[in-house]
Amino acid sequence: MHLVADILVGLVALLHAWFLVLEMFLWDKPLGRKVFRLKPEFASASKYLAMNQGLYNGFLVAGLVWGLCVDDLHIKVFFLACVIVAGIFGAVTVSRKVFFVQALPAIVALVLLHIP
């Protein structure tokens, strides 16, 4: 089960790496505007705010990868908890879809980490 949990932690990290790319580099490009349903004017005006969000996603990726590299349960739990809190907050403030895309995979990974 440890391997399955680590694979899921890695997938959560990959998801957040993709969020980083979307927010930091593609926010005001056609793909970014399509994913986030943004009008060009809004995307342009909010580009630097999105880049900041993307940077925070990068920190989550770094923490999850760190936890995988040193195989430390506490590091993985901490960063998965951060992802879960961010996902719940996003679900409440932006869209319920955020819960399923962001928080749910992290919750499953967290549960799997605790199954022997």
Protein backbone atom coordinates (compact mmCIF):
# COMPACT_ATOMS: atom_id res chain seq x y z
CA MET A 1 0.00 0.00 0.00
CA HIS A 2 2.98 2.27 0.62
CA LEU A 3 3.86 2.27 -3.09
CA VAL A 4 0.27 3.06 -4.11
CA ALA A 5 0.13 5.93 -1.61
CA ASP A 6 3.42 7.33 -2.89
CA ILE A 7 2.22 7.10 -6.49
CA LEU A 8 -0.87 9.09 -5.52
CA VAL A 9 1.26 11.66 -3.68
CA GLY A 10 3.30 11.95 -6.88
CA LEU A 11 0.14 12.44 -8.92
CA VAL A 12 -0.99 15.21 -6.55
CA ALA A 13 2.42 16.83 -7.04
CA LEU A 14 2.06 16.54 -10.84
CA LEU A 15 -1.40 18.12 -10.68
CA HIS A 16 0.01 21.07 -8.79
CA ALA A 17 2.92 21.36 -11.20
CA TRP A 18 0.31 21.62 -13.96
CA PHE A 19 -1.56 24.29 -11.95
CA LEU A 20 1.75 26.18 -11.63
CA VAL A 21 2.20 26.12 -15.41
CA LEU A 22 -1.39 27.19 -16.03
CA GLU A 23 -1.26 30.05 -13.55
CA MET A 24 2.28 31.30 -14.10
CA PHE A 25 2.69 30.88 -17.84
CA LEU A 26 -0.66 30.21 -19.54
CA TRP A 27 -3.10 32.36 -17.56
CA ASP A 28 -3.56 34.96 -20.31
CA LYS A 29 -2.99 32.54 -23.21
CA PRO A 30 -5.87 30.77 -25.00
CA LEU A 31 -5.50 27.51 -23.04
CA GLY A 32 -5.34 29.27 -19.67
CA ARG A 33 -8.31 31.48 -20.50
CA LYS A 34 -10.28 28.42 -21.61
CA VAL A 35 -9.45 26.36 -18.50
CA PHE A 36 -10.34 29.19 -16.12
CA ARG A 37 -13.10 30.66 -18.33
CA LEU A 38 -11.50 34.11 -18.41
CA LYS A 39 -12.15 37.07 -20.64
CA PRO A 40 -8.94 38.41 -22.22
CA GLU A 41 -9.18 41.73 -20.36
CA PHE A 42 -9.55 40.06 -16.98
CA ALA A 43 -6.77 37.57 -17.71
CA SER A 44 -4.43 40.39 -18.63
CA ALA A 45 -5.36 42.48 -15.58
CA SER A 46 -5.00 39.56 -13.14
CA LYS A 47 -1.93 37.93 -14.68
CA TYR A 48 0.46 38.78 -11.85
CA LEU A 49 -1.98 37.66 -9.17
CA ALA A 50 -2.26 34.32 -10.98
CA MET A 51 1.53 34.07 -11.19
CA ASN A 52 1.65 34.46 -7.41
CA GLN A 53 -0.90 31.66 -7.03
CA GLY A 54 1.18 29.51 -9.35
CA LEU A 55 4.27 30.11 -7.26
CA TYR A 56 2.45 28.85 -4.18
CA ASN A 57 1.48 25.72 -6.10
CA GLY A 58 5.18 25.31 -6.84
CA PHE A 59 5.91 25.30 -3.11
CA LEU A 60 3.33 22.54 -2.65
CA VAL A 61 5.01 20.54 -5.41
CA ALA A 62 8.41 21.06 -3.80
CA GLY A 63 7.12 19.88 -0.43
CA LEU A 64 5.41 16.79 -1.82
CA VAL A 65 8.47 15.84 -3.87
CA TRP A 66 10.68 16.43 -0.82
CA GLY A 67 8.47 14.10 1.21
CA LEU A 68 8.73 11.45 -1.50
CA CYS A 69 12.50 11.82 -1.87
CA VAL A 70 13.24 11.41 1.83
CA ASP A 71 10.27 9.07 2.34
CA ASP A 72 9.03 11.03 5.34
CA LEU A 73 5.42 10.49 6.36
CA HIS A 74 5.21 13.75 8.33
CA ILE A 75 6.35 15.87 5.39
CA LYS A 76 3.88 14.16 3.05
CA VAL A 77 1.04 14.59 5.56
CA PHE A 78 1.83 18.27 6.09
CA PHE A 79 1.89 19.15 2.40
CA LEU A 80 -1.15 17.00 1.59
CA ALA A 81 -2.99 18.80 4.40
CA CYS A 82 -2.01 22.13 2.82
CA VAL A 83 -3.40 20.94 -0.52
CA ILE A 84 -6.62 19.78 1.17
CA VAL A 85 -7.14 23.09 2.97
CA ALA A 86 -6.49 25.02 -0.26
CA GLY A 87 -8.88 22.73 -2.14
CA ILE A 88 -11.64 23.17 0.41
CA PHE A 89 -11.14 26.93 0.43
CA GLY A 90 -11.25 26.97 -3.37
CA ALA A 91 -14.43 24.89 -3.36
CA VAL A 92 -16.10 27.34 -0.97
CA THR A 93 -14.90 30.53 -2.67
CA VAL A 94 -14.57 29.63 -6.36
CA SER A 95 -16.25 26.40 -7.45
CA ARG A 96 -17.14 23.00 -6.05
CA LYS A 97 -15.11 21.53 -8.90
CA VAL A 98 -11.95 22.66 -7.08
CA PHE A 99 -12.72 20.18 -4.31
CA PHE A 100 -12.82 17.24 -6.69
CA VAL A 101 -9.79 18.29 -8.74
CA GLN A 102 -7.57 19.43 -5.88
CA ALA A 103 -8.69 18.28 -2.43
CA LEU A 104 -10.13 14.84 -3.15
CA PRO A 105 -6.96 13.30 -4.66
CA ALA A 106 -4.98 14.65 -1.69
CA ILE A 107 -7.53 13.22 0.77
CA VAL A 108 -7.29 9.79 -0.88
CA ALA A 109 -3.47 9.97 -0.79
CA LEU A 110 -3.58 10.96 2.89
CA VAL A 111 -5.86 8.04 3.76
CA LEU A 112 -3.68 5.60 1.80
CA LEU A 113 -0.57 6.81 3.64
CA HIS A 114 -2.15 5.60 6.87
CA ILE A 115 -3.07 2.10 5.68
CA PRO A 116 -0.33 -0.41 6.52
